[in-house]
Amino acid sequence: MDTSSIELRGAQIDRIEHIDGRLRLHFPRVEIIKSMTGSAERTRWWQAGDLVIEGAEPLAPLPEPPVICAGGDIDENVYTYRDMIPIPLNARGRVGCELKLADSDVRIRVRGEALRLEMEGVPKYIEHIRPATA
């Protein structure tokens, strides 16, 4: 099975909007790792997009952007994705995120009722990631 995921470490968040229960975190450029079944190589891409949480309830004050993400968790019901966001992502139920910010003790902590990724345009290729040879 082919998989794609966003790397949270190092991802910039340049807009944070919380309006009428909808939280939108905008990433102007995130790195995406794509893996293909049967291949030891992976590829790195970049793309812009938003993480959107409906019925969002911040559990801590939201920081002023821009901020750099140092990792964290994305919760989708019984699943927790650490330091990454799977693509695609569209879930309902018990969802949320706890994102660590670089050079800070501040975290973006939010719970909600639905969670989705809205990617902009098409991914742009950066490089192949080859496994280390012994």
N, C-alpha and C. Protein backbone atom coordinates (compact mmCIF):
# COMPACT_ATOMS: atom_id res chain seq x y z
N MET A 1 0.84 -1.18 0.00
CA MET A 1 0.00 0.00 0.00
C MET A 1 0.89 1.24 0.00
N ASP A 2 0.56 2.20 -0.82
CA ASP A 2 1.27 3.46 -0.85
C ASP A 2 0.77 4.34 0.30
N THR A 3 1.70 5.05 0.95
CA THR A 3 1.32 5.93 2.05
C THR A 3 1.98 7.29 1.88
N SER A 4 1.32 8.30 2.40
CA SER A 4 1.85 9.66 2.43
C SER A 4 1.56 10.26 3.79
N SER A 5 2.52 11.02 4.32
CA SER A 5 2.30 11.68 5.60
C SER A 5 3.09 12.98 5.68
N ILE A 6 2.54 13.92 6.40
CA ILE A 6 3.17 15.22 6.65
C ILE A 6 4.09 15.06 7.86
N GLU A 7 5.30 15.60 7.75
CA GLU A 7 6.22 15.64 8.89
C GLU A 7 5.92 16.90 9.68
N LEU A 8 5.56 16.74 10.97
CA LEU A 8 5.23 17.91 11.79
C LEU A 8 6.48 18.67 12.25
N ARG A 9 7.57 17.96 12.51
CA ARG A 9 8.79 18.65 12.98
C ARG A 9 9.29 19.61 11.91
N GLY A 10 9.41 20.86 12.31
CA GLY A 10 9.91 21.89 11.40
C GLY A 10 8.85 22.57 10.56
N ALA A 11 7.60 22.14 10.68
CA ALA A 11 6.52 22.74 9.89
C ALA A 11 6.13 24.10 10.47
N GLN A 12 6.09 25.11 9.61
CA GLN A 12 5.68 26.44 10.03
C GLN A 12 4.16 26.55 9.98
N ILE A 13 3.59 27.19 10.99
CA ILE A 13 2.17 27.54 11.00
C ILE A 13 2.12 29.06 10.94
N ASP A 14 1.63 29.60 9.81
CA ASP A 14 1.65 31.05 9.65
C ASP A 14 0.31 31.72 9.91
N ARG A 15 -0.77 30.92 10.03
CA ARG A 15 -2.08 31.46 10.37
C ARG A 15 -2.79 30.51 11.31
N ILE A 16 -3.41 31.07 12.33
CA ILE A 16 -4.25 30.30 13.25
C ILE A 16 -5.57 31.05 13.36
N GLU A 17 -6.65 30.42 12.91
CA GLU A 17 -7.96 31.06 12.95
C GLU A 17 -8.92 30.18 13.76
N HIS A 18 -9.59 30.79 14.72
CA HIS A 18 -10.61 30.08 15.50
C HIS A 18 -11.89 30.91 15.42
N ILE A 19 -12.78 30.51 14.51
CA ILE A 19 -14.01 31.26 14.24
C ILE A 19 -15.20 30.31 14.28
N ASP A 20 -16.20 30.64 15.10
CA ASP A 20 -17.45 29.88 15.18
C ASP A 20 -17.20 28.38 15.37
N GLY A 21 -16.28 28.03 16.26
CA GLY A 21 -16.03 26.62 16.58
C GLY A 21 -15.17 25.88 15.57
N ARG A 22 -14.65 26.58 14.58
CA ARG A 22 -13.77 25.94 13.59
C ARG A 22 -12.36 26.50 13.77
N LEU A 23 -11.41 25.59 14.03
CA LEU A 23 -10.01 25.98 14.14
C LEU A 23 -9.31 25.59 12.85
N ARG A 24 -8.58 26.54 12.29
CA ARG A 24 -7.84 26.29 11.05
C ARG A 24 -6.38 26.68 11.29
N LEU A 25 -5.49 25.68 11.15
CA LEU A 25 -4.05 25.91 11.23
C LEU A 25 -3.51 25.84 9.81
N HIS A 26 -2.92 26.93 9.33
CA HIS A 26 -2.41 26.96 7.94
C HIS A 26 -0.90 26.72 7.93
N PHE A 27 -0.51 25.73 7.14
CA PHE A 27 0.89 25.40 6.91
C PHE A 27 1.26 25.88 5.50
N PRO A 28 2.12 26.91 5.36
CA PRO A 28 2.45 27.40 4.02
C PRO A 28 3.31 26.43 3.22
N ARG A 29 4.04 25.56 3.92
CA ARG A 29 4.89 24.58 3.23
C ARG A 29 5.23 23.47 4.21
N VAL A 30 4.64 22.31 4.01
CA VAL A 30 4.98 21.15 4.83
C VAL A 30 5.70 20.13 3.97
N GLU A 31 6.55 19.34 4.62
CA GLU A 31 7.22 18.26 3.90
C GLU A 31 6.38 17.00 4.02
N ILE A 32 6.25 16.31 2.90
CA ILE A 32 5.46 15.09 2.82
C ILE A 32 6.40 13.95 2.44
N ILE A 33 6.29 12.84 3.16
CA ILE A 33 7.06 11.64 2.83
C ILE A 33 6.10 10.64 2.20
N LYS A 34 6.47 10.18 1.00
CA LYS A 34 5.66 9.18 0.30
C LYS A 34 6.44 7.88 0.24
N SER A 35 5.76 6.79 0.58
CA SER A 35 6.34 5.44 0.51
C SER A 35 5.52 4.62 -0.47
N MET A 36 6.20 3.79 -1.24
CA MET A 36 5.51 2.93 -2.19
C MET A 36 5.74 1.47 -1.81
N THR A 37 4.70 0.67 -1.92
CA THR A 37 4.78 -0.75 -1.62
C THR A 37 5.86 -1.40 -2.49
N GLY A 38 6.69 -2.19 -1.85
CA GLY A 38 7.71 -2.93 -2.58
C GLY A 38 8.98 -2.15 -2.85
N SER A 39 9.04 -0.90 -2.44
CA SER A 39 10.23 -0.09 -2.69
C SER A 39 10.88 0.31 -1.36
N ALA A 40 12.20 0.17 -1.29
CA ALA A 40 12.92 0.59 -0.10
C ALA A 40 13.10 2.10 -0.08
N GLU A 41 12.99 2.72 -1.24
CA GLU A 41 13.15 4.16 -1.33
C GLU A 41 11.84 4.87 -0.99
N ARG A 42 11.98 6.06 -0.45
CA ARG A 42 10.85 6.93 -0.21
C ARG A 42 11.13 8.24 -0.94
N THR A 43 10.13 9.08 -1.06
CA THR A 43 10.33 10.38 -1.71
C THR A 43 9.84 11.49 -0.79
N ARG A 44 10.47 12.66 -0.93
CA ARG A 44 10.10 13.84 -0.15
C ARG A 44 9.49 14.87 -1.10
N TRP A 45 8.36 15.44 -0.68
CA TRP A 45 7.62 16.42 -1.46
C TRP A 45 7.28 17.60 -0.55
N TRP A 46 6.77 18.70 -1.10
CA TRP A 46 6.26 19.78 -0.27
C TRP A 46 4.93 20.26 -0.84
N GLN A 47 4.13 20.84 0.06
CA GLN A 47 2.80 21.32 -0.32
C GLN A 47 2.29 22.21 0.81
N ALA A 48 1.36 23.08 0.50
CA ALA A 48 0.69 23.91 1.51
C ALA A 48 -0.64 23.27 1.86
N GLY A 49 -1.14 23.57 3.06
CA GLY A 49 -2.44 23.04 3.43
C GLY A 49 -2.88 23.49 4.81
N ASP A 50 -4.09 23.09 5.17
CA ASP A 50 -4.69 23.44 6.45
C ASP A 50 -5.11 22.19 7.22
N LEU A 51 -4.89 22.21 8.52
CA LEU A 51 -5.48 21.24 9.42
C LEU A 51 -6.70 21.93 10.01
N VAL A 52 -7.87 21.34 9.81
CA VAL A 52 -9.14 21.96 10.23
C VAL A 52 -9.80 21.07 11.28
N ILE A 53 -10.18 21.68 12.40
CA ILE A 53 -10.88 20.97 13.46
C ILE A 53 -12.23 21.66 13.67
N GLU A 54 -13.30 20.89 13.47
CA GLU A 54 -14.66 21.39 13.67
C GLU A 54 -15.07 21.13 15.12
N GLY A 55 -15.93 21.98 15.66
CA GLY A 55 -16.35 21.84 17.05
C GLY A 55 -15.14 21.97 17.96
N ALA A 56 -14.20 22.83 17.56
CA ALA A 56 -12.91 22.96 18.25
C ALA A 56 -13.04 23.66 19.58
N GLU A 57 -12.38 23.08 20.56
CA GLU A 57 -12.31 23.64 21.90
C GLU A 57 -10.85 23.71 22.32
N PRO A 58 -10.22 24.89 22.23
CA PRO A 58 -8.84 25.01 22.67
C PRO A 58 -8.73 24.73 24.17
N LEU A 59 -7.74 23.93 24.56
CA LEU A 59 -7.52 23.58 25.96
C LEU A 59 -6.45 24.47 26.58
N ALA A 60 -5.90 25.36 25.79
CA ALA A 60 -4.89 26.33 26.24
C ALA A 60 -4.99 27.52 25.29
N PRO A 61 -4.51 28.69 25.72
CA PRO A 61 -4.54 29.84 24.82
C PRO A 61 -3.76 29.54 23.53
N LEU A 62 -4.30 29.99 22.41
CA LEU A 62 -3.64 29.78 21.12
C LEU A 62 -2.52 30.81 20.95
N PRO A 63 -1.38 30.38 20.43
CA PRO A 63 -0.25 31.31 20.27
C PRO A 63 -0.47 32.25 19.08
N GLU A 64 0.31 33.31 19.05
CA GLU A 64 0.32 34.23 17.91
C GLU A 64 1.26 33.67 16.85
N PRO A 65 0.77 33.48 15.63
CA PRO A 65 1.64 33.00 14.56
C PRO A 65 2.55 34.13 14.06
N PRO A 66 3.63 33.80 13.37
CA PRO A 66 4.02 32.46 12.94
C PRO A 66 4.73 31.70 14.05
N VAL A 67 4.57 30.38 14.02
CA VAL A 67 5.24 29.48 14.96
C VAL A 67 5.79 28.29 14.17
N ILE A 68 6.76 27.63 14.75
CA ILE A 68 7.34 26.43 14.15
C ILE A 68 6.97 25.24 15.02
N CYS A 69 6.43 24.22 14.40
CA CYS A 69 6.03 23.01 15.11
C CYS A 69 7.28 22.15 15.37
N ALA A 70 7.39 21.65 16.60
CA ALA A 70 8.51 20.78 16.97
C ALA A 70 8.04 19.34 17.08
N GLY A 71 6.82 19.05 16.64
CA GLY A 71 6.27 17.71 16.74
C GLY A 71 4.98 17.73 17.52
N GLY A 72 4.48 16.55 17.81
CA GLY A 72 3.25 16.48 18.59
C GLY A 72 2.35 15.36 18.13
N ASP A 73 1.14 15.36 18.66
CA ASP A 73 0.19 14.28 18.41
C ASP A 73 -1.06 14.81 17.70
N ILE A 74 -1.55 14.00 16.78
CA ILE A 74 -2.85 14.21 16.15
C ILE A 74 -3.71 13.03 16.59
N ASP A 75 -4.82 13.30 17.25
CA ASP A 75 -5.69 12.24 17.76
C ASP A 75 -6.90 12.07 16.86
N GLU A 76 -7.12 10.81 16.47
CA GLU A 76 -8.27 10.45 15.65
C GLU A 76 -8.93 9.24 16.31
N ASN A 77 -9.89 9.53 17.19
CA ASN A 77 -10.58 8.48 17.93
C ASN A 77 -9.57 7.61 18.68
N VAL A 78 -9.42 6.33 18.34
CA VAL A 78 -8.50 5.45 19.08
C VAL A 78 -7.07 5.53 18.56
N TYR A 79 -6.82 6.27 17.47
CA TYR A 79 -5.48 6.37 16.89
C TYR A 79 -4.81 7.68 17.30
N THR A 80 -3.51 7.61 17.55
CA THR A 80 -2.69 8.79 17.78
C THR A 80 -1.55 8.75 16.79
N TYR A 81 -1.41 9.81 16.01
CA TYR A 81 -0.32 9.93 15.05
C TYR A 81 0.73 10.85 15.65
N ARG A 82 1.91 10.33 15.92
CA ARG A 82 2.97 11.09 16.57
C ARG A 82 3.91 11.70 15.54
N ASP A 83 4.07 13.02 15.63
CA ASP A 83 5.00 13.78 14.79
C ASP A 83 4.68 13.72 13.30
N MET A 84 3.47 13.33 12.95
CA MET A 84 3.06 13.25 11.55
C MET A 84 1.56 13.35 11.42
N ILE A 85 1.12 13.65 10.19
CA ILE A 85 -0.31 13.65 9.87
C ILE A 85 -0.48 12.79 8.62
N PRO A 86 -1.30 11.74 8.68
CA PRO A 86 -1.49 10.92 7.49
C PRO A 86 -2.29 11.68 6.43
N ILE A 87 -1.98 11.38 5.18
CA ILE A 87 -2.73 11.95 4.05
C ILE A 87 -3.38 10.81 3.30
N PRO A 88 -4.69 10.82 3.10
CA PRO A 88 -5.65 11.85 3.50
C PRO A 88 -6.04 11.67 4.98
N LEU A 89 -6.69 12.69 5.52
CA LEU A 89 -7.22 12.64 6.87
C LEU A 89 -8.57 13.33 6.87
N ASN A 90 -9.60 12.58 7.28
CA ASN A 90 -10.96 13.11 7.38
C ASN A 90 -11.68 12.22 8.39
N ALA A 91 -11.86 12.72 9.62
CA ALA A 91 -12.41 11.88 10.68
C ALA A 91 -13.43 12.64 11.51
N ARG A 92 -14.36 11.89 12.08
CA ARG A 92 -15.35 12.41 13.02
C ARG A 92 -15.22 11.64 14.32
N GLY A 93 -15.65 12.26 15.40
CA GLY A 93 -15.61 11.59 16.69
C GLY A 93 -14.74 12.36 17.66
N ARG A 94 -13.97 11.63 18.44
CA ARG A 94 -13.07 12.25 19.42
C ARG A 94 -11.75 12.55 18.73
N VAL A 95 -11.56 13.80 18.36
CA VAL A 95 -10.37 14.19 17.61
C VAL A 95 -9.70 15.37 18.30
N GLY A 96 -8.47 15.63 17.90
CA GLY A 96 -7.77 16.79 18.43
C GLY A 96 -6.31 16.77 18.09
N CYS A 97 -5.60 17.72 18.68
CA CYS A 97 -4.16 17.77 18.48
C CYS A 97 -3.50 18.38 19.70
N GLU A 98 -2.24 18.01 19.89
CA GLU A 98 -1.37 18.65 20.86
C GLU A 98 -0.03 18.81 20.17
N LEU A 99 0.23 20.03 19.74
CA LEU A 99 1.43 20.32 18.96
C LEU A 99 2.42 21.10 19.81
N LYS A 100 3.66 20.61 19.87
CA LYS A 100 4.74 21.30 20.57
C LYS A 100 5.29 22.36 19.63
N LEU A 101 5.68 23.50 20.21
CA LEU A 101 6.25 24.57 19.40
C LEU A 101 7.74 24.70 19.70
N ALA A 102 8.51 24.99 18.67
CA ALA A 102 9.96 25.11 18.81
C ALA A 102 10.32 26.28 19.73
N ASP A 103 11.36 26.08 20.51
CA ASP A 103 11.90 27.13 21.39
C ASP A 103 10.86 27.72 22.33
N SER A 104 9.93 26.88 22.81
CA SER A 104 8.85 27.38 23.65
C SER A 104 8.25 26.23 24.46
N ASP A 105 7.64 26.58 25.57
CA ASP A 105 6.88 25.59 26.34
C ASP A 105 5.40 25.61 25.93
N VAL A 106 5.05 26.53 25.04
CA VAL A 106 3.67 26.67 24.58
C VAL A 106 3.31 25.50 23.68
N ARG A 107 2.06 25.05 23.80
CA ARG A 107 1.54 23.97 22.96
C ARG A 107 0.19 24.39 22.40
N ILE A 108 -0.10 23.91 21.22
CA ILE A 108 -1.44 24.09 20.66
C ILE A 108 -2.21 22.84 21.06
N ARG A 109 -3.15 22.98 21.99
CA ARG A 109 -3.92 21.85 22.52
C ARG A 109 -5.39 22.09 22.22
N VAL A 110 -5.97 21.23 21.38
CA VAL A 110 -7.35 21.42 20.94
C VAL A 110 -8.05 20.06 20.87
N ARG A 111 -9.30 20.03 21.30
CA ARG A 111 -10.16 18.87 21.11
C ARG A 111 -11.32 19.30 20.23
N GLY A 112 -11.90 18.32 19.52
CA GLY A 112 -13.00 18.68 18.65
C GLY A 112 -13.85 17.49 18.25
N GLU A 113 -14.75 17.73 17.30
CA GLU A 113 -15.71 16.72 16.85
C GLU A 113 -15.39 16.15 15.48
N ALA A 114 -14.61 16.88 14.69
CA ALA A 114 -14.23 16.41 13.35
C ALA A 114 -12.89 17.04 12.99
N LEU A 115 -12.14 16.32 12.17
CA LEU A 115 -10.78 16.72 11.83
C LEU A 115 -10.52 16.38 10.37
N ARG A 116 -9.91 17.31 9.64
CA ARG A 116 -9.60 17.02 8.23
C ARG A 116 -8.39 17.83 7.79
N LEU A 117 -7.77 17.33 6.72
CA LEU A 117 -6.70 18.05 6.04
C LEU A 117 -7.26 18.61 4.75
N GLU A 118 -6.94 19.86 4.46
CA GLU A 118 -7.29 20.48 3.19
C GLU A 118 -5.99 20.93 2.55
N MET A 119 -5.52 20.16 1.57
CA MET A 119 -4.27 20.48 0.91
C MET A 119 -4.52 21.39 -0.28
N GLU A 120 -3.56 22.28 -0.57
CA GLU A 120 -3.68 23.24 -1.67
C GLU A 120 -2.83 22.78 -2.85
N GLY A 121 -3.39 22.84 -4.03
CA GLY A 121 -2.63 22.53 -5.24
C GLY A 121 -2.16 21.09 -5.27
N VAL A 122 -1.02 20.88 -5.91
CA VAL A 122 -0.45 19.54 -6.02
C VAL A 122 0.90 19.52 -5.33
N PRO A 123 1.31 18.35 -4.80
CA PRO A 123 2.62 18.27 -4.15
C PRO A 123 3.74 18.50 -5.17
N LYS A 124 4.83 19.10 -4.69
CA LYS A 124 6.01 19.37 -5.53
C LYS A 124 7.16 18.49 -5.04
N TYR A 125 7.80 17.83 -5.97
CA TYR A 125 8.88 16.89 -5.67
C TYR A 125 10.11 17.63 -5.15
N ILE A 126 10.75 17.04 -4.12
CA ILE A 126 12.02 17.55 -3.59
C ILE A 126 13.16 16.58 -3.90
N GLU A 127 13.00 15.31 -3.40
CA GLU A 127 14.11 14.37 -3.55
C GLU A 127 13.68 12.93 -3.24
N HIS A 128 14.54 12.00 -3.65
CA HIS A 128 14.41 10.61 -3.24
C HIS A 128 15.17 10.43 -1.92
N ILE A 129 14.64 9.59 -1.06
CA ILE A 129 15.31 9.25 0.20
C ILE A 129 15.72 7.80 0.08
N ARG A 130 16.98 7.57 -0.05
CA ARG A 130 17.48 6.20 -0.24
C ARG A 130 17.91 5.63 1.10
N PRO A 131 17.69 4.33 1.30
CA PRO A 131 18.12 3.73 2.57
C PRO A 131 19.64 3.76 2.67
N ALA A 132 20.11 3.88 3.90
CA ALA A 132 21.55 3.87 4.15
C ALA A 132 22.12 2.51 3.79
N THR A 133 23.28 2.51 3.19
CA THR A 133 23.93 1.24 2.85
C THR A 133 25.01 0.94 3.86
N ALA A 134 25.21 -0.32 4.11
CA ALA A 134 26.19 -0.72 5.13
C ALA A 134 27.57 -0.76 4.56
